[in-house]
Amino acid sequence: MTTRYTNQEWTAILRKVEEDLHLSREVYKVPAFASPQFAQTIDHTLLKLEATKRQIDALCAEARVAGFASVCVRLKHVSRSVANLKSSDVVVACVVGFHEGTQDLYEKIKEAEAAIEAGAAELDIVLNYEVLRSGDYSSTYNELGSLRALAPHPTILKLILETSQLDRGQIVAACCIAAEARFDFVKTSTGFRGHGATEEHVRLMRSIVEKVSPEYGIGVKASGEVRTCEDAVKMMKAGATRIGTSAGVWIVKEARQRVDDARGEETEERPNLQTRLFTDY
């Protein structure tokens, strides 16, 4: 794929976007607690290298029962997850270039092809943020555009920015280039480097995609350190339309409890860091 603009042209475009950008202060709508729409904001995630088949089976069973949007797994678990979720509305998302994002384009294309062949409906692709930070925007667009050409709609593409490693201008650049390459979501973090999602970054990302591509409706996925219902609600109010977390079961349980306290039933104790089956990822 040829580059859309030269680096000089990209720099001018991105500078103009940043200068004209007004950060939205809107409090975005949160789906009703305990509703199917609330559960459908969640990508139920397990990306630990040591994840077992039994844990993947449990992840899929939880997602099927709760009605989550997807399970998000590594390539080696895609086929098993697809089989587990057959005849349900839950799809399988696979990470690509995880978690550093520094693999060359050929390797990312091979991984994306394998994931799609195995049945993945969504790809969470890690941005090569070192290239972006160097100012080589043409190469960044070339990579994203090539992956979009490989995986046209209805495959959903999410770009993981790793916002903890980027400044404001670089987040603007990543979101603008993702929009130009027709990605479906921009996503905050891998959960493996630096801090995870913050309200500030989610709000910034939502403001950017609404400005540069209002007709396309790009979503924002908050991931990393979203562990409670309160965390999820904060991210949704800031503009997140999807939540990546391994704590989805507990988040929807807490949401149900908020509207079901009248039953007088005891809530199942939330697991602590020592007893939880999964970590953030």
C-alpha atoms as a PDB file:
ATOM      1  CA  MET A   1       0.000   0.000   0.000  1.00  0.00           C
ATOM      2  CA  THR A   2       1.270   3.459  -0.841  1.00  0.00           C
ATOM      3  CA  THR A   3       1.430   6.110   1.837  1.00  0.00           C
ATOM      4  CA  ARG A   4      -1.466   8.569   1.814  1.00  0.00           C
ATOM      5  CA  TYR A   5       0.604  11.654   2.648  1.00  0.00           C
ATOM      6  CA  THR A   6       4.265  12.505   3.090  1.00  0.00           C
ATOM      7  CA  ASN A   7       5.549  12.946   6.637  1.00  0.00           C
ATOM      8  CA  GLN A   8       5.637  16.692   6.040  1.00  0.00           C
ATOM      9  CA  GLU A   9       1.986  16.683   4.965  1.00  0.00           C
ATOM     10  CA  TRP A  10       0.991  14.495   7.912  1.00  0.00           C
ATOM     11  CA  THR A  11       2.788  16.836  10.307  1.00  0.00           C
ATOM     12  CA  ALA A  12       0.845  19.829   8.992  1.00  0.00           C
ATOM     13  CA  ILE A  13      -2.482  17.969   9.134  1.00  0.00           C
ATOM     14  CA  LEU A  14      -1.901  16.699  12.668  1.00  0.00           C
ATOM     15  CA  ARG A  15      -0.732  20.094  13.925  1.00  0.00           C
ATOM     16  CA  LYS A  16      -3.930  21.664  12.618  1.00  0.00           C
ATOM     17  CA  VAL A  17      -6.112  19.008  14.275  1.00  0.00           C
ATOM     18  CA  GLU A  18      -4.369  19.509  17.614  1.00  0.00           C
ATOM     19  CA  GLU A  19      -4.628  23.301  17.412  1.00  0.00           C
ATOM     20  CA  ASP A  20      -8.359  23.162  16.666  1.00  0.00           C
ATOM     21  CA  LEU A  21      -9.181  20.384  19.113  1.00  0.00           C
ATOM     22  CA  HIS A  22     -11.570  21.193  21.934  1.00  0.00           C
ATOM     23  CA  LEU A  23     -11.707  18.583  24.681  1.00  0.00           C
ATOM     24  CA  SER A  24     -15.271  17.410  25.158  1.00  0.00           C
ATOM     25  CA  ARG A  25     -16.696  17.800  28.660  1.00  0.00           C
ATOM     26  CA  GLU A  26     -19.782  15.781  27.830  1.00  0.00           C
ATOM     27  CA  VAL A  27     -20.805  13.091  30.312  1.00  0.00           C
ATOM     28  CA  TYR A  28     -21.530  10.226  27.971  1.00  0.00           C
ATOM     29  CA  LYS A  29     -24.427   7.863  28.529  1.00  0.00           C
ATOM     30  CA  VAL A  30     -23.874   4.617  30.436  1.00  0.00           C
ATOM     31  CA  PRO A  31     -26.139   1.660  29.564  1.00  0.00           C
ATOM     32  CA  ALA A  32     -28.597   0.687  32.284  1.00  0.00           C
ATOM     33  CA  PHE A  33     -27.050  -1.495  34.957  1.00  0.00           C
ATOM     34  CA  ALA A  34     -27.958  -5.182  34.634  1.00  0.00           C
ATOM     35  CA  SER A  35     -29.067  -4.614  31.027  1.00  0.00           C
ATOM     36  CA  PRO A  36     -27.724  -6.692  28.123  1.00  0.00           C
ATOM     37  CA  GLN A  37     -26.294  -3.474  26.680  1.00  0.00           C
ATOM     38  CA  PHE A  38     -24.139  -2.964  29.782  1.00  0.00           C
ATOM     39  CA  ALA A  39     -22.626  -6.445  29.483  1.00  0.00           C
ATOM     40  CA  GLN A  40     -22.112  -5.923  25.753  1.00  0.00           C
ATOM     41  CA  THR A  41     -19.607  -3.154  26.426  1.00  0.00           C
ATOM     42  CA  ILE A  42     -17.138  -5.688  27.858  1.00  0.00           C
ATOM     43  CA  ASP A  43     -14.359  -7.604  26.108  1.00  0.00           C
ATOM     44  CA  HIS A  44     -13.690 -10.438  28.581  1.00  0.00           C
ATOM     45  CA  THR A  45      -9.925 -10.730  28.463  1.00  0.00           C
ATOM     46  CA  LEU A  46      -7.214 -13.272  29.244  1.00  0.00           C
ATOM     47  CA  LEU A  47      -3.792 -12.583  27.733  1.00  0.00           C
ATOM     48  CA  LYS A  48      -1.438 -14.131  30.282  1.00  0.00           C
ATOM     49  CA  LEU A  49       1.197 -16.250  28.543  1.00  0.00           C
ATOM     50  CA  GLU A  50       0.617 -19.059  31.026  1.00  0.00           C
ATOM     51  CA  ALA A  51      -3.153 -19.215  30.465  1.00  0.00           C
ATOM     52  CA  THR A  52      -4.357 -22.824  30.371  1.00  0.00           C
ATOM     53  CA  LYS A  53      -7.011 -24.494  28.244  1.00  0.00           C
ATOM     54  CA  ARG A  54      -9.169 -24.838  31.349  1.00  0.00           C
ATOM     55  CA  GLN A  55      -8.913 -21.100  31.999  1.00  0.00           C
ATOM     56  CA  ILE A  56      -9.824 -20.328  28.385  1.00  0.00           C
ATOM     57  CA  ASP A  57     -12.845 -22.628  28.670  1.00  0.00           C
ATOM     58  CA  ALA A  58     -13.894 -20.830  31.858  1.00  0.00           C
ATOM     59  CA  LEU A  59     -13.399 -17.434  30.211  1.00  0.00           C
ATOM     60  CA  CYS A  60     -15.675 -18.420  27.331  1.00  0.00           C
ATOM     61  CA  ALA A  61     -18.307 -19.924  29.622  1.00  0.00           C
ATOM     62  CA  GLU A  62     -18.392 -16.717  31.670  1.00  0.00           C
ATOM     63  CA  ALA A  63     -18.676 -14.589  28.529  1.00  0.00           C
ATOM     64  CA  ARG A  64     -21.506 -16.727  27.156  1.00  0.00           C
ATOM     65  CA  VAL A  65     -23.494 -16.569  30.399  1.00  0.00           C
ATOM     66  CA  ALA A  66     -22.941 -12.837  30.917  1.00  0.00           C
ATOM     67  CA  GLY A  67     -23.490 -11.875  27.276  1.00  0.00           C
ATOM     68  CA  PHE A  68     -20.203 -10.009  26.844  1.00  0.00           C
ATOM     69  CA  ALA A  69     -19.223  -8.511  23.485  1.00  0.00           C
ATOM     70  CA  SER A  70     -16.200 -10.749  23.069  1.00  0.00           C
ATOM     71  CA  VAL A  71     -13.457 -12.754  24.634  1.00  0.00           C
ATOM     72  CA  CYS A  72     -10.005 -11.329  23.897  1.00  0.00           C
ATOM     73  CA  VAL A  73      -7.217 -13.911  23.723  1.00  0.00           C
ATOM     74  CA  ARG A  74      -3.870 -14.686  22.128  1.00  0.00           C
ATOM     75  CA  LEU A  75      -3.661 -16.409  18.750  1.00  0.00           C
ATOM     76  CA  LYS A  76      -3.019 -19.891  20.132  1.00  0.00           C
ATOM     77  CA  HIS A  77      -6.376 -19.795  21.963  1.00  0.00           C
ATOM     78  CA  VAL A  78      -8.539 -18.464  19.122  1.00  0.00           C
ATOM     79  CA  SER A  79      -9.700 -21.791  17.670  1.00  0.00           C
ATOM     80  CA  ARG A  80     -10.631 -23.187  21.064  1.00  0.00           C
ATOM     81  CA  SER A  81     -12.487 -20.000  21.978  1.00  0.00           C
ATOM     82  CA  VAL A  82     -14.413 -20.009  18.691  1.00  0.00           C
ATOM     83  CA  ALA A  83     -15.491 -23.607  19.325  1.00  0.00           C
ATOM     84  CA  ASN A  84     -16.513 -22.776  22.888  1.00  0.00           C
ATOM     85  CA  LEU A  85     -18.641 -19.833  21.765  1.00  0.00           C
ATOM     86  CA  LYS A  86     -20.329 -21.488  18.797  1.00  0.00           C
ATOM     87  CA  SER A  87     -24.042 -20.593  18.535  1.00  0.00           C
ATOM     88  CA  SER A  88     -23.647 -17.650  20.945  1.00  0.00           C
ATOM     89  CA  ASP A  89     -23.517 -13.933  20.143  1.00  0.00           C
ATOM     90  CA  VAL A  90     -20.106 -13.574  21.811  1.00  0.00           C
ATOM     91  CA  VAL A  91     -17.275 -13.200  19.284  1.00  0.00           C
ATOM     92  CA  VAL A  92     -13.554 -13.818  19.586  1.00  0.00           C
ATOM     93  CA  ALA A  93     -11.031 -10.983  19.507  1.00  0.00           C
ATOM     94  CA  CYS A  94      -7.351 -11.759  18.980  1.00  0.00           C
ATOM     95  CA  VAL A  95      -4.399  -9.532  19.799  1.00  0.00           C
ATOM     96  CA  VAL A  96      -1.869  -8.843  17.047  1.00  0.00           C
ATOM     97  CA  GLY A  97       1.676  -7.595  17.644  1.00  0.00           C
ATOM     98  CA  PHE A  98       1.180  -8.058  21.354  1.00  0.00           C
ATOM     99  CA  HIS A  99       2.418  -6.565  23.492  1.00  0.00           C
ATOM    100  CA  GLU A 100       5.303  -4.393  22.262  1.00  0.00           C
ATOM    101  CA  GLY A 101       3.929  -3.658  18.780  1.00  0.00           C
ATOM    102  CA  THR A 102       7.439  -3.606  17.306  1.00  0.00           C
ATOM    103  CA  GLN A 103       7.065  -6.610  15.010  1.00  0.00           C
ATOM    104  CA  ASP A 104       7.498  -5.751  11.351  1.00  0.00           C
ATOM    105  CA  LEU A 105       4.476  -5.477   9.095  1.00  0.00           C
ATOM    106  CA  TYR A 106       5.050  -8.900   7.539  1.00  0.00           C
ATOM    107  CA  GLU A 107       4.842 -10.584  10.954  1.00  0.00           C
ATOM    108  CA  LYS A 108       1.715  -8.637  11.903  1.00  0.00           C
ATOM    109  CA  ILE A 109       0.047  -9.568   8.621  1.00  0.00           C
ATOM    110  CA  LYS A 110       0.885 -13.254   9.142  1.00  0.00           C
ATOM    111  CA  GLU A 111      -0.539 -13.128  12.675  1.00  0.00           C
ATOM    112  CA  ALA A 112      -3.675 -11.302  11.539  1.00  0.00           C
ATOM    113  CA  GLU A 113      -4.238 -13.770   8.693  1.00  0.00           C
ATOM    114  CA  ALA A 114      -3.879 -16.715  11.069  1.00  0.00           C
ATOM    115  CA  ALA A 115      -6.289 -15.163  13.564  1.00  0.00           C
ATOM    116  CA  ILE A 116      -8.949 -14.549  10.917  1.00  0.00           C
ATOM    117  CA  GLU A 117      -8.494 -18.058   9.506  1.00  0.00           C
ATOM    118  CA  ALA A 118      -8.965 -19.460  13.033  1.00  0.00           C
ATOM    119  CA  GLY A 119     -12.245 -17.581  13.375  1.00  0.00           C
ATOM    120  CA  ALA A 120     -11.439 -14.275  15.078  1.00  0.00           C
ATOM    121  CA  ALA A 121     -14.015 -11.578  14.322  1.00  0.00           C
ATOM    122  CA  GLU A 122     -12.057  -8.739  15.919  1.00  0.00           C
ATOM    123  CA  LEU A 123      -8.342  -7.890  15.970  1.00  0.00           C
ATOM    124  CA  ASP A 124      -6.733  -5.763  18.689  1.00  0.00           C
ATOM    125  CA  ILE A 125      -3.551  -4.548  16.998  1.00  0.00           C
ATOM    126  CA  VAL A 126      -0.710  -2.932  18.926  1.00  0.00           C
ATOM    127  CA  LEU A 127       0.566   0.297  17.416  1.00  0.00           C
ATOM    128  CA  ASN A 128       4.293   0.465  16.725  1.00  0.00           C
ATOM    129  CA  TYR A 129       4.460   3.550  18.891  1.00  0.00           C
ATOM    130  CA  GLU A 130       8.241   3.863  18.559  1.00  0.00           C
ATOM    131  CA  VAL A 131       7.784   4.546  14.843  1.00  0.00           C
ATOM    132  CA  LEU A 132       4.974   6.997  15.562  1.00  0.00           C
ATOM    133  CA  ARG A 133       7.056   8.805  18.198  1.00  0.00           C
ATOM    134  CA  SER A 134       9.870   9.196  15.639  1.00  0.00           C
ATOM    135  CA  GLY A 135       7.507  11.226  13.447  1.00  0.00           C
ATOM    136  CA  ASP A 136       7.353   8.649  10.659  1.00  0.00           C
ATOM    137  CA  TYR A 137       3.607   9.010  10.184  1.00  0.00           C
ATOM    138  CA  SER A 138       3.669   7.680   6.628  1.00  0.00           C
ATOM    139  CA  SER A 139       5.030   4.333   7.807  1.00  0.00           C
ATOM    140  CA  THR A 140       2.423   4.201  10.568  1.00  0.00           C
ATOM    141  CA  TYR A 141      -0.356   4.811   8.063  1.00  0.00           C
ATOM    142  CA  ASN A 142       1.127   2.268   5.664  1.00  0.00           C
ATOM    143  CA  GLU A 143       1.044  -0.402   8.386  1.00  0.00           C
ATOM    144  CA  LEU A 144      -2.495   0.343   9.489  1.00  0.00           C
ATOM    145  CA  GLY A 145      -3.807   0.692   5.957  1.00  0.00           C
ATOM    146  CA  SER A 146      -2.221  -2.613   4.950  1.00  0.00           C
ATOM    147  CA  LEU A 147      -3.840  -4.400   7.891  1.00  0.00           C
ATOM    148  CA  ARG A 148      -7.204  -2.850   7.053  1.00  0.00           C
ATOM    149  CA  ALA A 149      -6.848  -4.015   3.444  1.00  0.00           C
ATOM    150  CA  LEU A 150      -6.052  -7.518   4.668  1.00  0.00           C
ATOM    151  CA  ALA A 151      -9.022  -7.527   7.055  1.00  0.00           C
ATOM    152  CA  PRO A 152     -11.894  -5.524   5.543  1.00  0.00           C
ATOM    153  CA  HIS A 153     -15.246  -5.206   7.218  1.00  0.00           C
ATOM    154  CA  PRO A 154     -17.007  -6.960   8.850  1.00  0.00           C
ATOM    155  CA  THR A 155     -13.758  -7.723  10.737  1.00  0.00           C
ATOM    156  CA  ILE A 156     -13.456  -5.180  13.565  1.00  0.00           C
ATOM    157  CA  LEU A 157     -10.038  -3.583  14.010  1.00  0.00           C
ATOM    158  CA  LYS A 158      -8.940  -1.896  17.224  1.00  0.00           C
ATOM    159  CA  LEU A 159      -5.668   0.008  17.494  1.00  0.00           C
ATOM    160  CA  ILE A 160      -3.931  -0.259  20.865  1.00  0.00           C
ATOM    161  CA  LEU A 161      -2.091   3.022  21.413  1.00  0.00           C
ATOM    162  CA  GLU A 162      -0.274   2.325  24.713  1.00  0.00           C
ATOM    163  CA  THR A 163      -1.168   5.818  25.881  1.00  0.00           C
ATOM    164  CA  SER A 164       1.185   5.674  28.873  1.00  0.00           C
ATOM    165  CA  GLN A 165       4.056   5.920  26.377  1.00  0.00           C
ATOM    166  CA  LEU A 166       2.646   8.813  24.337  1.00  0.00           C
ATOM    167  CA  ASP A 167       2.203  12.526  24.880  1.00  0.00           C
ATOM    168  CA  ARG A 168      -0.906  14.462  23.869  1.00  0.00           C
ATOM    169  CA  GLY A 169       0.303  15.239  20.365  1.00  0.00           C
ATOM    170  CA  GLN A 170       1.243  11.615  19.743  1.00  0.00           C
ATOM    171  CA  ILE A 171      -2.190  10.420  20.937  1.00  0.00           C
ATOM    172  CA  VAL A 172      -3.752  12.901  18.497  1.00  0.00           C
ATOM    173  CA  ALA A 173      -1.539  11.537  15.713  1.00  0.00           C
ATOM    174  CA  ALA A 174      -2.341   7.885  16.468  1.00  0.00           C
ATOM    175  CA  CYS A 175      -6.098   8.493  16.581  1.00  0.00           C
ATOM    176  CA  CYS A 176      -6.081  10.555  13.374  1.00  0.00           C
ATOM    177  CA  ILE A 177      -4.079   7.960  11.449  1.00  0.00           C
ATOM    178  CA  ALA A 178      -6.287   5.143  12.775  1.00  0.00           C
ATOM    179  CA  ALA A 179      -9.341   7.060  11.563  1.00  0.00           C
ATOM    180  CA  GLU A 180      -7.771   7.645   8.153  1.00  0.00           C
ATOM    181  CA  ALA A 181      -7.016   3.911   7.888  1.00  0.00           C
ATOM    182  CA  ARG A 182     -10.657   3.163   8.781  1.00  0.00           C
ATOM    183  CA  PHE A 183     -10.022   1.332  12.044  1.00  0.00           C
ATOM    184  CA  ASP A 184     -13.145   0.744  14.123  1.00  0.00           C
ATOM    185  CA  PHE A 185     -11.766   1.497  17.607  1.00  0.00           C
ATOM    186  CA  VAL A 186      -8.842   3.204  19.261  1.00  0.00           C
ATOM    187  CA  LYS A 187      -7.806   1.513  22.502  1.00  0.00           C
ATOM    188  CA  THR A 188      -5.804   2.867  25.412  1.00  0.00           C
ATOM    189  CA  SER A 189      -3.466   0.133  26.603  1.00  0.00           C
ATOM    190  CA  THR A 190      -2.133  -3.408  26.481  1.00  0.00           C
ATOM    191  CA  GLY A 191      -2.153  -3.631  30.268  1.00  0.00           C
ATOM    192  CA  PHE A 192       1.471  -4.785  30.152  1.00  0.00           C
ATOM    193  CA  ARG A 193       3.402  -1.499  30.041  1.00  0.00           C
ATOM    194  CA  GLY A 194       2.903   1.632  32.086  1.00  0.00           C
ATOM    195  CA  HIS A 195      -0.431   2.665  33.496  1.00  0.00           C
ATOM    196  CA  GLY A 196      -3.712   1.544  32.008  1.00  0.00           C
ATOM    197  CA  ALA A 197      -6.734   3.558  30.945  1.00  0.00           C
ATOM    198  CA  THR A 198      -7.300   7.000  32.438  1.00  0.00           C
ATOM    199  CA  GLU A 199     -10.369   9.211  32.176  1.00  0.00           C
ATOM    200  CA  GLU A 200      -8.196  11.979  30.735  1.00  0.00           C
ATOM    201  CA  HIS A 201      -6.905   9.821  27.896  1.00  0.00           C
ATOM    202  CA  VAL A 202     -10.299   8.286  27.135  1.00  0.00           C
ATOM    203  CA  ARG A 203     -11.882  11.739  26.932  1.00  0.00           C
ATOM    204  CA  LEU A 204      -9.056  12.979  24.701  1.00  0.00           C
ATOM    205  CA  MET A 205      -9.374   9.997  22.359  1.00  0.00           C
ATOM    206  CA  ARG A 206     -13.157  10.380  22.134  1.00  0.00           C
ATOM    207  CA  SER A 207     -12.794  14.084  21.361  1.00  0.00           C
ATOM    208  CA  ILE A 208     -10.286  13.367  18.574  1.00  0.00           C
ATOM    209  CA  VAL A 209     -12.266  10.672  16.772  1.00  0.00           C
ATOM    210  CA  GLU A 210     -15.483  12.699  16.992  1.00  0.00           C
ATOM    211  CA  LYS A 211     -13.671  15.643  15.390  1.00  0.00           C
ATOM    212  CA  VAL A 212     -11.810  13.874  12.597  1.00  0.00           C
ATOM    213  CA  SER A 213     -14.333  11.205  11.655  1.00  0.00           C
ATOM    214  CA  PRO A 214     -17.811  12.049  12.976  1.00  0.00           C
ATOM    215  CA  GLU A 215     -19.554  10.156  10.187  1.00  0.00           C
ATOM    216  CA  TYR A 216     -17.603   6.939  10.760  1.00  0.00           C
ATOM    217  CA  GLY A 217     -18.384   6.454  14.437  1.00  0.00           C
ATOM    218  CA  ILE A 218     -15.040   5.171  15.705  1.00  0.00           C
ATOM    219  CA  GLY A 219     -15.308   3.666  19.176  1.00  0.00           C
ATOM    220  CA  VAL A 220     -12.977   4.070  22.144  1.00  0.00           C
ATOM    221  CA  LYS A 221     -11.894   1.063  24.185  1.00  0.00           C
ATOM    222  CA  ALA A 222     -10.627   1.579  27.730  1.00  0.00           C
ATOM    223  CA  SER A 223      -8.351  -1.212  28.909  1.00  0.00           C
ATOM    224  CA  GLY A 224      -5.903  -1.770  31.712  1.00  0.00           C
ATOM    225  CA  GLU A 225      -6.712  -1.282  35.402  1.00  0.00           C
ATOM    226  CA  VAL A 226     -10.485  -1.341  34.881  1.00  0.00           C
ATOM    227  CA  ARG A 227     -11.375  -3.673  37.736  1.00  0.00           C
ATOM    228  CA  THR A 228     -14.664  -2.508  39.258  1.00  0.00           C
ATOM    229  CA  CYS A 229     -18.090  -1.336  38.183  1.00  0.00           C
ATOM    230  CA  GLU A 230     -17.122   2.152  39.331  1.00  0.00           C
ATOM    231  CA  ASP A 231     -14.009   2.057  37.125  1.00  0.00           C
ATOM    232  CA  ALA A 232     -16.056   0.961  34.112  1.00  0.00           C
ATOM    233  CA  VAL A 233     -18.705   3.625  34.661  1.00  0.00           C
ATOM    234  CA  LYS A 234     -16.055   6.358  34.906  1.00  0.00           C
ATOM    235  CA  MET A 235     -14.560   5.264  31.597  1.00  0.00           C
ATOM    236  CA  MET A 236     -17.957   5.120  29.877  1.00  0.00           C
ATOM    237  CA  LYS A 237     -18.888   8.571  31.149  1.00  0.00           C
ATOM    238  CA  ALA A 238     -15.561   9.842  29.771  1.00  0.00           C
ATOM    239  CA  GLY A 239     -16.378   8.403  26.351  1.00  0.00           C
ATOM    240  CA  ALA A 240     -15.437   4.713  26.282  1.00  0.00           C
ATOM    241  CA  THR A 241     -17.747   2.512  24.227  1.00  0.00           C
ATOM    242  CA  ARG A 242     -15.950  -0.750  24.995  1.00  0.00           C
ATOM    243  CA  ILE A 243     -14.171  -1.965  28.141  1.00  0.00           C
ATOM    244  CA  GLY A 244     -11.287  -4.440  28.102  1.00  0.00           C
ATOM    245  CA  THR A 245     -10.932  -6.285  31.396  1.00  0.00           C
ATOM    246  CA  SER A 246     -10.500  -9.680  33.018  1.00  0.00           C
ATOM    247  CA  ALA A 247     -12.889  -8.568  35.770  1.00  0.00           C
ATOM    248  CA  GLY A 248     -16.013  -8.535  33.622  1.00  0.00           C
ATOM    249  CA  VAL A 249     -17.877 -11.088  35.730  1.00  0.00           C
ATOM    250  CA  TRP A 250     -17.365  -9.023  38.863  1.00  0.00           C
ATOM    251  CA  ILE A 251     -18.203  -5.766  37.128  1.00  0.00           C
ATOM    252  CA  VAL A 252     -21.599  -7.013  35.944  1.00  0.00           C
ATOM    253  CA  LYS A 253     -22.223  -8.622  39.335  1.00  0.00           C
ATOM    254  CA  GLU A 254     -21.603  -5.271  41.040  1.00  0.00           C
ATOM    255  CA  ALA A 255     -23.822  -3.539  38.480  1.00  0.00           C
ATOM    256  CA  ARG A 256     -26.652  -5.972  39.168  1.00  0.00           C
ATOM    257  CA  GLN A 257     -26.240  -5.469  42.889  1.00  0.00           C
ATOM    258  CA  ARG A 258     -26.756  -1.734  42.476  1.00  0.00           C
ATOM    259  CA  VAL A 259     -30.276  -2.339  41.164  1.00  0.00           C
ATOM    260  CA  ASP A 260     -31.033  -5.478  43.142  1.00  0.00           C
ATOM    261  CA  ASP A 261     -30.257  -4.529  46.746  1.00  0.00           C
ATOM    262  CA  ALA A 262     -33.937  -4.759  47.612  1.00  0.00           C
ATOM    263  CA  ARG A 263     -33.707  -8.546  47.480  1.00  0.00           C
ATOM    264  CA  GLY A 264     -31.599  -8.509  50.614  1.00  0.00           C
ATOM    265  CA  GLU A 265     -29.325 -11.196  49.246  1.00  0.00           C
ATOM    266  CA  GLU A 266     -25.649 -11.202  50.167  1.00  0.00           C
ATOM    267  CA  THR A 267     -23.291 -10.314  47.375  1.00  0.00           C
ATOM    268  CA  GLU A 268     -20.638 -12.873  46.556  1.00  0.00           C
ATOM    269  CA  GLU A 269     -17.375 -11.595  48.004  1.00  0.00           C
ATOM    270  CA  ARG A 270     -15.154  -9.959  45.463  1.00  0.00           C
ATOM    271  CA  PRO A 271     -11.857 -11.857  45.110  1.00  0.00           C
ATOM    272  CA  ASN A 272      -8.714 -10.108  46.243  1.00  0.00           C
ATOM    273  CA  LEU A 273      -5.456 -10.012  44.309  1.00  0.00           C
ATOM    274  CA  GLN A 274      -4.350 -13.306  45.840  1.00  0.00           C
ATOM    275  CA  THR A 275      -7.526 -15.264  45.119  1.00  0.00           C
ATOM    276  CA  ARG A 276      -8.619 -13.941  41.721  1.00  0.00           C
ATOM    277  CA  LEU A 277      -8.252 -16.368  38.868  1.00  0.00           C
ATOM    278  CA  PHE A 278      -6.991 -13.746  36.438  1.00  0.00           C
ATOM    279  CA  THR A 279      -4.960 -10.561  36.655  1.00  0.00           C
ATOM    280  CA  ASP A 280      -5.818  -7.454  34.598  1.00  0.00           C
ATOM    281  CA  TYR A 281      -4.811  -9.438  31.555  1.00  0.00           C
END
